[in-house]
Amino acid sequence: MHWQTSRFDIDLSQPKLMGIVNVTPDSFSDGGQHAGTRAALAHCEQLLKDGAHILDIGGESTRPGSPAVPLDEELARVLPVVREAAKLGVPLSVDTYKPEVMRAVLDEGADIINDIWALRQGDALQVVASHPRCGVCLMHMHRDPQTMQVAPMHGDVVPLVSEFLRVRVSALRALNVAAERIVLDPGIGFGKTVEQNFSLLARQQELLVAGYPLLAGWSRKSSLGVVTGRELPAERVSASVAAALLAVDRGGRVVRVHDVRETGDVLAVWAAMQASKTLAS
């Protein structure tokens, strides 16, 4: 299984680590730590040293209740980082829902569009479809960042998320976007209750039936804080690593994480166990 992107065909036969680069002052976990271009690039380099396979750059916080960022401001945050990070020789993902930002970052060498709105804003669908190769991650989100946790979803979340993603994939495929370009994200924390988030993890394999690779974004999420009692996101590293391992063991191919080194160590142990099982059989 491969993920086709602008410059790279990413081999997903083994799970890949997507390192988070928040070029924002207000992200829920590390807002302000990498807000400038120089700090963001230093963080990119550190994530690669720690073992990241993909870098995910974002210029707008999507934590619950976060305000929208004006287009010009997001471009000013993201473009200089993408321009320089494109020289690092690894796949670059950009976390954005604005079509104008998508066009600009793809022109600067970005490989993947990672969209919490699953290409439902403006002509985002056409921007991705008109690109000859870029990868895309379609995420499920209930409502919007301002209201998603005020009125979260009701009912059995797994079939609802599965159907939403099926519809968004169909919209892309209808525009002749190759299946190999598409990865899906169930959107942990985006308008779901704690119980619903863990239901998505427990039954994650039901989301794999359509045949598309799955990206899991559990890193430092509030649901982990609820079950562990860890109020501060930075205190949720162990829980985040455990969730990433469980997601991979249930078929996830990409894990989007803050703590690359710690997650990589755990997945190395998992991979060794998997190899041993293969040899034994």
C-alpha atoms as a PDB file:
ATOM      1  CA  MET A   1       0.000   0.000   0.000  1.00  0.00           C
ATOM      2  CA  HIS A   2       1.346   3.413  -1.022  1.00  0.00           C
ATOM      3  CA  TRP A   3       0.260   7.021  -0.562  1.00  0.00           C
ATOM      4  CA  GLN A   4       0.874   8.962  -3.759  1.00  0.00           C
ATOM      5  CA  THR A   5       1.884  12.578  -3.085  1.00  0.00           C
ATOM      6  CA  SER A   6       3.355  15.458  -5.059  1.00  0.00           C
ATOM      7  CA  ARG A   7       7.005  14.380  -4.828  1.00  0.00           C
ATOM      8  CA  PHE A   8       6.923  11.058  -2.992  1.00  0.00           C
ATOM      9  CA  ASP A   9       5.224   7.684  -3.110  1.00  0.00           C
ATOM     10  CA  ILE A  10       5.051   6.885   0.602  1.00  0.00           C
ATOM     11  CA  ASP A  11       5.327   3.189   1.410  1.00  0.00           C
ATOM     12  CA  LEU A  12       2.657   2.387   4.007  1.00  0.00           C
ATOM     13  CA  SER A  13       3.572  -1.258   4.437  1.00  0.00           C
ATOM     14  CA  GLN A  14       4.957  -0.075   7.783  1.00  0.00           C
ATOM     15  CA  PRO A  15       3.248   2.698   9.797  1.00  0.00           C
ATOM     16  CA  LYS A  16       4.530   6.215   9.271  1.00  0.00           C
ATOM     17  CA  LEU A  17       5.085   8.983  11.826  1.00  0.00           C
ATOM     18  CA  MET A  18       3.668  12.385  10.908  1.00  0.00           C
ATOM     19  CA  GLY A  19       5.300  15.037  13.085  1.00  0.00           C
ATOM     20  CA  ILE A  20       3.181  18.052  14.040  1.00  0.00           C
ATOM     21  CA  VAL A  21       4.558  21.536  13.309  1.00  0.00           C
ATOM     22  CA  ASN A  22       2.149  24.152  14.667  1.00  0.00           C
ATOM     23  CA  VAL A  23       3.101  27.587  13.358  1.00  0.00           C
ATOM     24  CA  THR A  24       0.497  29.141  15.638  1.00  0.00           C
ATOM     25  CA  PRO A  25       0.325  31.161  18.868  1.00  0.00           C
ATOM     26  CA  ASP A  26      -2.695  29.287  20.236  1.00  0.00           C
ATOM     27  CA  SER A  27      -2.661  25.549  19.433  1.00  0.00           C
ATOM     28  CA  PHE A  28      -3.997  23.501  22.343  1.00  0.00           C
ATOM     29  CA  SER A  29      -0.728  21.750  23.202  1.00  0.00           C
ATOM     30  CA  ASP A  30       2.264  23.716  21.919  1.00  0.00           C
ATOM     31  CA  GLY A  31       0.852  27.065  20.805  1.00  0.00           C
ATOM     32  CA  GLY A  32       3.531  29.730  20.510  1.00  0.00           C
ATOM     33  CA  GLN A  33       6.480  27.353  20.846  1.00  0.00           C
ATOM     34  CA  HIS A  34       7.199  27.234  17.094  1.00  0.00           C
ATOM     35  CA  ALA A  35       5.298  30.324  15.916  1.00  0.00           C
ATOM     36  CA  GLY A  36       8.136  31.987  14.001  1.00  0.00           C
ATOM     37  CA  THR A  37       9.682  30.662  10.803  1.00  0.00           C
ATOM     38  CA  ARG A  38      13.076  30.035  12.380  1.00  0.00           C
ATOM     39  CA  ALA A  39      11.594  28.217  15.376  1.00  0.00           C
ATOM     40  CA  ALA A  40       9.291  26.180  13.147  1.00  0.00           C
ATOM     41  CA  LEU A  41      12.160  25.066  10.907  1.00  0.00           C
ATOM     42  CA  ALA A  42      14.277  24.122  13.915  1.00  0.00           C
ATOM     43  CA  HIS A  43      11.342  22.042  15.128  1.00  0.00           C
ATOM     44  CA  CYS A  44      11.044  20.395  11.702  1.00  0.00           C
ATOM     45  CA  GLU A  45      14.701  19.402  11.861  1.00  0.00           C
ATOM     46  CA  GLN A  46      14.324  18.040  15.391  1.00  0.00           C
ATOM     47  CA  LEU A  47      11.271  15.986  14.431  1.00  0.00           C
ATOM     48  CA  LEU A  48      13.242  14.450  11.566  1.00  0.00           C
ATOM     49  CA  LYS A  49      16.115  13.607  13.917  1.00  0.00           C
ATOM     50  CA  ASP A  50      13.559  11.989  16.214  1.00  0.00           C
ATOM     51  CA  GLY A  51      12.330   9.791  13.361  1.00  0.00           C
ATOM     52  CA  ALA A  52       9.443  11.594  11.649  1.00  0.00           C
ATOM     53  CA  HIS A  53       8.649  10.368   8.143  1.00  0.00           C
ATOM     54  CA  ILE A  54       6.252  13.208   7.257  1.00  0.00           C
ATOM     55  CA  LEU A  55       5.983  16.801   8.519  1.00  0.00           C
ATOM     56  CA  ASP A  56       2.519  18.332   9.000  1.00  0.00           C
ATOM     57  CA  ILE A  57       2.614  22.144   9.034  1.00  0.00           C
ATOM     58  CA  GLY A  58      -0.379  24.147  10.241  1.00  0.00           C
ATOM     59  CA  GLY A  59      -1.007  27.869  10.592  1.00  0.00           C
ATOM     60  CA  GLU A  60      -4.437  27.824  12.236  1.00  0.00           C
ATOM     61  CA  SER A  61      -5.426  26.213  15.512  1.00  0.00           C
ATOM     62  CA  THR A  62      -8.472  23.958  15.309  1.00  0.00           C
ATOM     63  CA  ARG A  63      -8.831  23.323  19.040  1.00  0.00           C
ATOM     64  CA  PRO A  64     -12.439  23.505  20.307  1.00  0.00           C
ATOM     65  CA  GLY A  65     -13.613  27.111  20.381  1.00  0.00           C
ATOM     66  CA  SER A  66     -10.695  28.458  18.369  1.00  0.00           C
ATOM     67  CA  PRO A  67     -11.401  31.489  16.151  1.00  0.00           C
ATOM     68  CA  ALA A  68     -10.822  31.396  12.416  1.00  0.00           C
ATOM     69  CA  VAL A  69      -7.553  32.928  11.176  1.00  0.00           C
ATOM     70  CA  PRO A  70      -7.672  35.453   8.296  1.00  0.00           C
ATOM     71  CA  LEU A  71      -6.303  34.194   4.997  1.00  0.00           C
ATOM     72  CA  ASP A  72      -3.406  36.665   4.823  1.00  0.00           C
ATOM     73  CA  GLU A  73      -2.282  35.763   8.322  1.00  0.00           C
ATOM     74  CA  GLU A  74      -2.333  32.033   7.665  1.00  0.00           C
ATOM     75  CA  LEU A  75      -0.361  32.500   4.450  1.00  0.00           C
ATOM     76  CA  ALA A  76       2.206  34.662   6.267  1.00  0.00           C
ATOM     77  CA  ARG A  77       2.666  31.966   8.908  1.00  0.00           C
ATOM     78  CA  VAL A  78       2.810  28.930   6.655  1.00  0.00           C
ATOM     79  CA  LEU A  79       4.396  29.881   3.332  1.00  0.00           C
ATOM     80  CA  PRO A  80       7.912  30.749   4.585  1.00  0.00           C
ATOM     81  CA  VAL A  81       8.047  27.497   6.538  1.00  0.00           C
ATOM     82  CA  VAL A  82       6.847  25.386   3.606  1.00  0.00           C
ATOM     83  CA  ARG A  83       9.272  27.115   1.258  1.00  0.00           C
ATOM     84  CA  GLU A  84      12.265  26.190   3.429  1.00  0.00           C
ATOM     85  CA  ALA A  85      11.013  22.834   4.718  1.00  0.00           C
ATOM     86  CA  ALA A  86      10.537  21.660   1.123  1.00  0.00           C
ATOM     87  CA  LYS A  87      14.343  21.517   0.960  1.00  0.00           C
ATOM     88  CA  LEU A  88      14.530  18.903   3.748  1.00  0.00           C
ATOM     89  CA  GLY A  89      13.802  15.999   1.410  1.00  0.00           C
ATOM     90  CA  VAL A  90      10.748  14.565   3.191  1.00  0.00           C
ATOM     91  CA  PRO A  91       7.017  14.664   2.434  1.00  0.00           C
ATOM     92  CA  LEU A  92       5.361  17.886   3.582  1.00  0.00           C
ATOM     93  CA  SER A  93       1.727  17.979   4.614  1.00  0.00           C
ATOM     94  CA  VAL A  94      -0.111  21.251   5.211  1.00  0.00           C
ATOM     95  CA  ASP A  95      -3.050  21.345   7.593  1.00  0.00           C
ATOM     96  CA  THR A  96      -5.483  23.810   6.024  1.00  0.00           C
ATOM     97  CA  TYR A  97      -9.057  24.074   4.778  1.00  0.00           C
ATOM     98  CA  LYS A  98      -8.652  27.272   2.732  1.00  0.00           C
ATOM     99  CA  PRO A  99      -8.414  26.711  -1.048  1.00  0.00           C
ATOM    100  CA  GLU A 100      -6.146  29.741  -1.449  1.00  0.00           C
ATOM    101  CA  VAL A 101      -3.670  28.317   1.051  1.00  0.00           C
ATOM    102  CA  MET A 102      -3.836  24.923  -0.660  1.00  0.00           C
ATOM    103  CA  ARG A 103      -2.903  26.448  -4.008  1.00  0.00           C
ATOM    104  CA  ALA A 104      -0.082  28.491  -2.521  1.00  0.00           C
ATOM    105  CA  VAL A 105       1.549  25.673  -0.554  1.00  0.00           C
ATOM    106  CA  LEU A 106       1.279  23.217  -3.432  1.00  0.00           C
ATOM    107  CA  ASP A 107       3.042  25.782  -5.611  1.00  0.00           C
ATOM    108  CA  GLU A 108       5.809  25.969  -2.991  1.00  0.00           C
ATOM    109  CA  GLY A 109       6.367  22.209  -2.999  1.00  0.00           C
ATOM    110  CA  ALA A 110       3.953  20.795  -0.422  1.00  0.00           C
ATOM    111  CA  ASP A 111       3.072  17.153  -0.996  1.00  0.00           C
ATOM    112  CA  ILE A 112      -0.143  16.613   0.975  1.00  0.00           C
ATOM    113  CA  ILE A 113      -3.247  18.620   1.853  1.00  0.00           C
ATOM    114  CA  ASN A 114      -4.566  17.637   5.275  1.00  0.00           C
ATOM    115  CA  ASP A 115      -8.064  19.122   5.564  1.00  0.00           C
ATOM    116  CA  ILE A 116     -10.257  18.964   8.676  1.00  0.00           C
ATOM    117  CA  TRP A 117     -13.213  19.965   6.482  1.00  0.00           C
ATOM    118  CA  ALA A 118     -12.593  17.148   3.972  1.00  0.00           C
ATOM    119  CA  LEU A 119     -12.542  19.645   1.067  1.00  0.00           C
ATOM    120  CA  ARG A 120     -15.968  21.149   1.810  1.00  0.00           C
ATOM    121  CA  GLN A 121     -14.878  24.803   1.796  1.00  0.00           C
ATOM    122  CA  GLY A 122     -15.047  26.893  -1.376  1.00  0.00           C
ATOM    123  CA  ASP A 123     -13.367  25.227  -4.339  1.00  0.00           C
ATOM    124  CA  ALA A 124     -11.015  23.102  -2.223  1.00  0.00           C
ATOM    125  CA  LEU A 125     -12.237  19.956  -3.959  1.00  0.00           C
ATOM    126  CA  GLN A 126     -11.306  21.389  -7.353  1.00  0.00           C
ATOM    127  CA  VAL A 127      -7.906  22.614  -6.127  1.00  0.00           C
ATOM    128  CA  VAL A 128      -6.888  19.110  -5.074  1.00  0.00           C
ATOM    129  CA  ALA A 129      -8.525  17.428  -8.070  1.00  0.00           C
ATOM    130  CA  SER A 130      -6.757  19.725 -10.518  1.00  0.00           C
ATOM    131  CA  HIS A 131      -3.337  18.900  -9.084  1.00  0.00           C
ATOM    132  CA  PRO A 132      -1.758  15.954 -10.919  1.00  0.00           C
ATOM    133  CA  ARG A 133      -0.341  14.119  -7.903  1.00  0.00           C
ATOM    134  CA  CYS A 134      -0.784  15.720  -4.466  1.00  0.00           C
ATOM    135  CA  GLY A 135      -1.855  13.521  -1.596  1.00  0.00           C
ATOM    136  CA  VAL A 136      -4.888  14.386   0.492  1.00  0.00           C
ATOM    137  CA  CYS A 137      -6.166  13.451   3.924  1.00  0.00           C
ATOM    138  CA  LEU A 138      -9.936  13.712   4.338  1.00  0.00           C
ATOM    139  CA  MET A 139     -11.031  14.112   7.958  1.00  0.00           C
ATOM    140  CA  HIS A 140     -14.429  13.794   9.594  1.00  0.00           C
ATOM    141  CA  MET A 141     -15.517  16.772  11.678  1.00  0.00           C
ATOM    142  CA  HIS A 142     -18.935  17.331  13.241  1.00  0.00           C
ATOM    143  CA  ARG A 143     -20.036  20.979  12.998  1.00  0.00           C
ATOM    144  CA  ASP A 144     -17.028  23.364  13.187  1.00  0.00           C
ATOM    145  CA  PRO A 145     -14.190  24.155  15.629  1.00  0.00           C
ATOM    146  CA  GLN A 146     -16.229  26.888  17.298  1.00  0.00           C
ATOM    147  CA  THR A 147     -19.217  24.639  18.099  1.00  0.00           C
ATOM    148  CA  MET A 148     -18.120  21.009  17.701  1.00  0.00           C
ATOM    149  CA  GLN A 149     -17.756  20.273  21.409  1.00  0.00           C
ATOM    150  CA  VAL A 150     -20.705  22.435  22.447  1.00  0.00           C
ATOM    151  CA  ALA A 151     -23.059  20.051  20.664  1.00  0.00           C
ATOM    152  CA  PRO A 152     -21.190  16.816  19.869  1.00  0.00           C
ATOM    153  CA  MET A 153     -22.546  13.940  17.811  1.00  0.00           C
ATOM    154  CA  HIS A 154     -25.317  11.599  18.929  1.00  0.00           C
ATOM    155  CA  GLY A 155     -25.657   7.871  18.405  1.00  0.00           C
ATOM    156  CA  ASP A 156     -23.342   5.207  17.039  1.00  0.00           C
ATOM    157  CA  VAL A 157     -20.484   7.260  15.670  1.00  0.00           C
ATOM    158  CA  VAL A 158     -18.716   4.561  13.634  1.00  0.00           C
ATOM    159  CA  PRO A 159     -21.249   4.160  10.793  1.00  0.00           C
ATOM    160  CA  LEU A 160     -21.831   7.925  10.716  1.00  0.00           C
ATOM    161  CA  VAL A 161     -18.139   8.674  10.298  1.00  0.00           C
ATOM    162  CA  SER A 162     -17.753   5.846   7.787  1.00  0.00           C
ATOM    163  CA  GLU A 163     -20.607   7.134   5.631  1.00  0.00           C
ATOM    164  CA  PHE A 164     -19.348  10.720   5.740  1.00  0.00           C
ATOM    165  CA  LEU A 165     -15.889   9.638   4.586  1.00  0.00           C
ATOM    166  CA  ARG A 166     -17.391   7.427   1.877  1.00  0.00           C
ATOM    167  CA  VAL A 167     -19.284  10.423   0.473  1.00  0.00           C
ATOM    168  CA  ARG A 168     -16.208  12.655   0.509  1.00  0.00           C
ATOM    169  CA  VAL A 169     -14.095   9.987  -1.205  1.00  0.00           C
ATOM    170  CA  SER A 170     -16.787   9.593  -3.850  1.00  0.00           C
ATOM    171  CA  ALA A 171     -16.712  13.337  -4.517  1.00  0.00           C
ATOM    172  CA  LEU A 172     -12.969  13.214  -5.145  1.00  0.00           C
ATOM    173  CA  ARG A 173     -13.043  10.022  -7.173  1.00  0.00           C
ATOM    174  CA  ALA A 174     -15.777  11.524  -9.383  1.00  0.00           C
ATOM    175  CA  LEU A 175     -13.197  14.162 -10.354  1.00  0.00           C
ATOM    176  CA  ASN A 176     -10.738  11.428 -11.398  1.00  0.00           C
ATOM    177  CA  VAL A 177      -8.495  11.678  -8.339  1.00  0.00           C
ATOM    178  CA  ALA A 178      -6.601   8.391  -8.013  1.00  0.00           C
ATOM    179  CA  ALA A 179      -7.475   6.266  -5.002  1.00  0.00           C
ATOM    180  CA  GLU A 180      -3.754   6.056  -4.167  1.00  0.00           C
ATOM    181  CA  ARG A 181      -3.751   9.779  -3.352  1.00  0.00           C
ATOM    182  CA  ILE A 182      -6.358   9.478  -0.577  1.00  0.00           C
ATOM    183  CA  VAL A 183      -5.974   8.806   3.159  1.00  0.00           C
ATOM    184  CA  LEU A 184      -8.819   9.016   5.693  1.00  0.00           C
ATOM    185  CA  ASP A 185      -8.929  10.396   9.239  1.00  0.00           C
ATOM    186  CA  PRO A 186     -11.901   9.682  11.575  1.00  0.00           C
ATOM    187  CA  GLY A 187     -11.302  12.992  13.341  1.00  0.00           C
ATOM    188  CA  ILE A 188     -10.666  12.068  16.961  1.00  0.00           C
ATOM    189  CA  GLY A 189     -12.002  14.844  19.187  1.00  0.00           C
ATOM    190  CA  PHE A 190     -13.681  16.798  16.407  1.00  0.00           C
ATOM    191  CA  GLY A 191     -17.262  16.876  17.662  1.00  0.00           C
ATOM    192  CA  LYS A 192     -17.227  13.488  19.390  1.00  0.00           C
ATOM    193  CA  THR A 193     -17.698  12.563  23.032  1.00  0.00           C
ATOM    194  CA  VAL A 194     -14.990  10.715  24.949  1.00  0.00           C
ATOM    195  CA  GLU A 195     -16.963   7.488  24.586  1.00  0.00           C
ATOM    196  CA  GLN A 196     -17.389   8.021  20.851  1.00  0.00           C
ATOM    197  CA  ASN A 197     -13.667   8.633  20.381  1.00  0.00           C
ATOM    198  CA  PHE A 198     -12.823   5.358  22.080  1.00  0.00           C
ATOM    199  CA  SER A 199     -15.518   3.597  20.104  1.00  0.00           C
ATOM    200  CA  LEU A 200     -13.764   4.750  16.929  1.00  0.00           C
ATOM    201  CA  LEU A 201     -10.517   3.310  18.270  1.00  0.00           C
ATOM    202  CA  ALA A 202     -12.025   0.019  19.412  1.00  0.00           C
ATOM    203  CA  ARG A 203     -13.853  -0.471  16.110  1.00  0.00           C
ATOM    204  CA  GLN A 204     -11.315   1.224  13.875  1.00  0.00           C
ATOM    205  CA  GLN A 205     -11.073  -1.771  11.562  1.00  0.00           C
ATOM    206  CA  GLU A 206     -14.654  -1.122  10.440  1.00  0.00           C
ATOM    207  CA  LEU A 207     -13.355   2.081   8.833  1.00  0.00           C
ATOM    208  CA  LEU A 208     -10.830   0.099   6.781  1.00  0.00           C
ATOM    209  CA  VAL A 209     -13.442  -1.803   4.800  1.00  0.00           C
ATOM    210  CA  ALA A 210     -13.418   0.801   2.015  1.00  0.00           C
ATOM    211  CA  GLY A 211      -9.753   0.014   1.392  1.00  0.00           C
ATOM    212  CA  TYR A 212      -8.201   3.431   2.091  1.00  0.00           C
ATOM    213  CA  PRO A 213      -5.291   3.951   4.518  1.00  0.00           C
ATOM    214  CA  LEU A 214      -6.216   5.470   7.857  1.00  0.00           C
ATOM    215  CA  LEU A 215      -4.498   8.329   9.688  1.00  0.00           C
ATOM    216  CA  ALA A 216      -4.926   8.446  13.482  1.00  0.00           C
ATOM    217  CA  GLY A 217      -4.646  11.748  15.335  1.00  0.00           C
ATOM    218  CA  TRP A 218      -4.814  10.965  19.051  1.00  0.00           C
ATOM    219  CA  SER A 219      -1.787  12.952  20.156  1.00  0.00           C
ATOM    220  CA  ARG A 220      -2.368  14.708  23.508  1.00  0.00           C
ATOM    221  CA  LYS A 221      -6.126  14.915  22.876  1.00  0.00           C
ATOM    222  CA  SER A 222      -8.494  15.839  25.700  1.00  0.00           C
ATOM    223  CA  SER A 223     -10.130  12.391  25.725  1.00  0.00           C
ATOM    224  CA  LEU A 224      -6.791  10.996  26.879  1.00  0.00           C
ATOM    225  CA  GLY A 225      -6.744  13.586  29.626  1.00  0.00           C
ATOM    226  CA  VAL A 226     -10.209  12.532  30.769  1.00  0.00           C
ATOM    227  CA  VAL A 227      -9.327   8.851  31.155  1.00  0.00           C
ATOM    228  CA  THR A 228      -5.913   9.482  32.741  1.00  0.00           C
ATOM    229  CA  GLY A 229      -6.700  12.541  34.826  1.00  0.00           C
ATOM    230  CA  ARG A 230      -3.875  14.462  33.114  1.00  0.00           C
ATOM    231  CA  GLU A 231      -5.159  18.002  32.725  1.00  0.00           C
ATOM    232  CA  LEU A 232      -2.222  19.474  30.804  1.00  0.00           C
ATOM    233  CA  PRO A 233      -1.669  18.273  27.209  1.00  0.00           C
ATOM    234  CA  ALA A 234       2.089  17.974  27.771  1.00  0.00           C
ATOM    235  CA  GLU A 235       1.377  15.425  30.524  1.00  0.00           C
ATOM    236  CA  ARG A 236      -0.397  13.085  28.107  1.00  0.00           C
ATOM    237  CA  VAL A 237       2.660  11.719  26.300  1.00  0.00           C
ATOM    238  CA  SER A 238       2.347   8.167  27.640  1.00  0.00           C
ATOM    239  CA  ALA A 239      -1.367   8.073  26.891  1.00  0.00           C
ATOM    240  CA  SER A 240      -0.750   9.452  23.393  1.00  0.00           C
ATOM    241  CA  VAL A 241       1.848   6.783  22.678  1.00  0.00           C
ATOM    242  CA  ALA A 242      -0.530   4.078  23.912  1.00  0.00           C
ATOM    243  CA  ALA A 243      -3.323   5.381  21.674  1.00  0.00           C
ATOM    244  CA  ALA A 244      -0.987   5.526  18.667  1.00  0.00           C
ATOM    245  CA  LEU A 245       0.086   1.932  19.281  1.00  0.00           C
ATOM    246  CA  LEU A 246      -3.512   0.755  19.583  1.00  0.00           C
ATOM    247  CA  ALA A 247      -4.434   2.628  16.390  1.00  0.00           C
ATOM    248  CA  VAL A 248      -1.569   1.032  14.467  1.00  0.00           C
ATOM    249  CA  ASP A 249      -2.374  -2.412  15.841  1.00  0.00           C
ATOM    250  CA  ARG A 250      -5.921  -1.925  14.518  1.00  0.00           C
ATOM    251  CA  GLY A 251      -4.706  -1.108  11.020  1.00  0.00           C
ATOM    252  CA  GLY A 252      -3.774   2.587  11.113  1.00  0.00           C
ATOM    253  CA  ARG A 253      -1.032   3.430   8.630  1.00  0.00           C
ATOM    254  CA  VAL A 254      -0.125   6.995   9.669  1.00  0.00           C
ATOM    255  CA  VAL A 255      -0.049   8.445  13.179  1.00  0.00           C
ATOM    256  CA  ARG A 256      -0.009  12.228  13.581  1.00  0.00           C
ATOM    257  CA  VAL A 257       1.950  12.975  16.747  1.00  0.00           C
ATOM    258  CA  HIS A 258       3.706  15.632  18.787  1.00  0.00           C
ATOM    259  CA  ASP A 259       6.031  13.117  20.472  1.00  0.00           C
ATOM    260  CA  VAL A 260       7.793  11.490  17.545  1.00  0.00           C
ATOM    261  CA  ARG A 261      10.725   9.856  19.336  1.00  0.00           C
ATOM    262  CA  GLU A 262       8.581   8.229  22.030  1.00  0.00           C
ATOM    263  CA  THR A 263       6.006   6.999  19.533  1.00  0.00           C
ATOM    264  CA  GLY A 264       8.712   5.707  17.221  1.00  0.00           C
ATOM    265  CA  ASP A 265      10.298   3.675  20.018  1.00  0.00           C
ATOM    266  CA  VAL A 266       7.004   1.976  20.837  1.00  0.00           C
ATOM    267  CA  LEU A 267       6.241   1.244  17.190  1.00  0.00           C
ATOM    268  CA  ALA A 268       9.717  -0.254  16.757  1.00  0.00           C
ATOM    269  CA  VAL A 269       8.886  -2.751  19.496  1.00  0.00           C
ATOM    270  CA  TRP A 270       5.530  -3.456  17.833  1.00  0.00           C
ATOM    271  CA  ALA A 271       7.241  -3.976  14.458  1.00  0.00           C
ATOM    272  CA  ALA A 272       9.740  -6.408  16.001  1.00  0.00           C
ATOM    273  CA  MET A 273       6.886  -8.412  17.466  1.00  0.00           C
ATOM    274  CA  GLN A 274       5.090  -8.463  14.110  1.00  0.00           C
ATOM    275  CA  ALA A 275       8.261  -9.682  12.381  1.00  0.00           C
ATOM    276  CA  SER A 276       8.639 -12.440  14.971  1.00  0.00           C
ATOM    277  CA  LYS A 277       5.077 -13.575  14.397  1.00  0.00           C
ATOM    278  CA  THR A 278       5.741 -13.769  10.653  1.00  0.00           C
ATOM    279  CA  LEU A 279       8.883 -15.851  11.156  1.00  0.00           C
ATOM    280  CA  ALA A 280       7.079 -18.181  13.553  1.00  0.00           C
ATOM    281  CA  SER A 281       4.343 -18.873  11.037  1.00  0.00           C
END
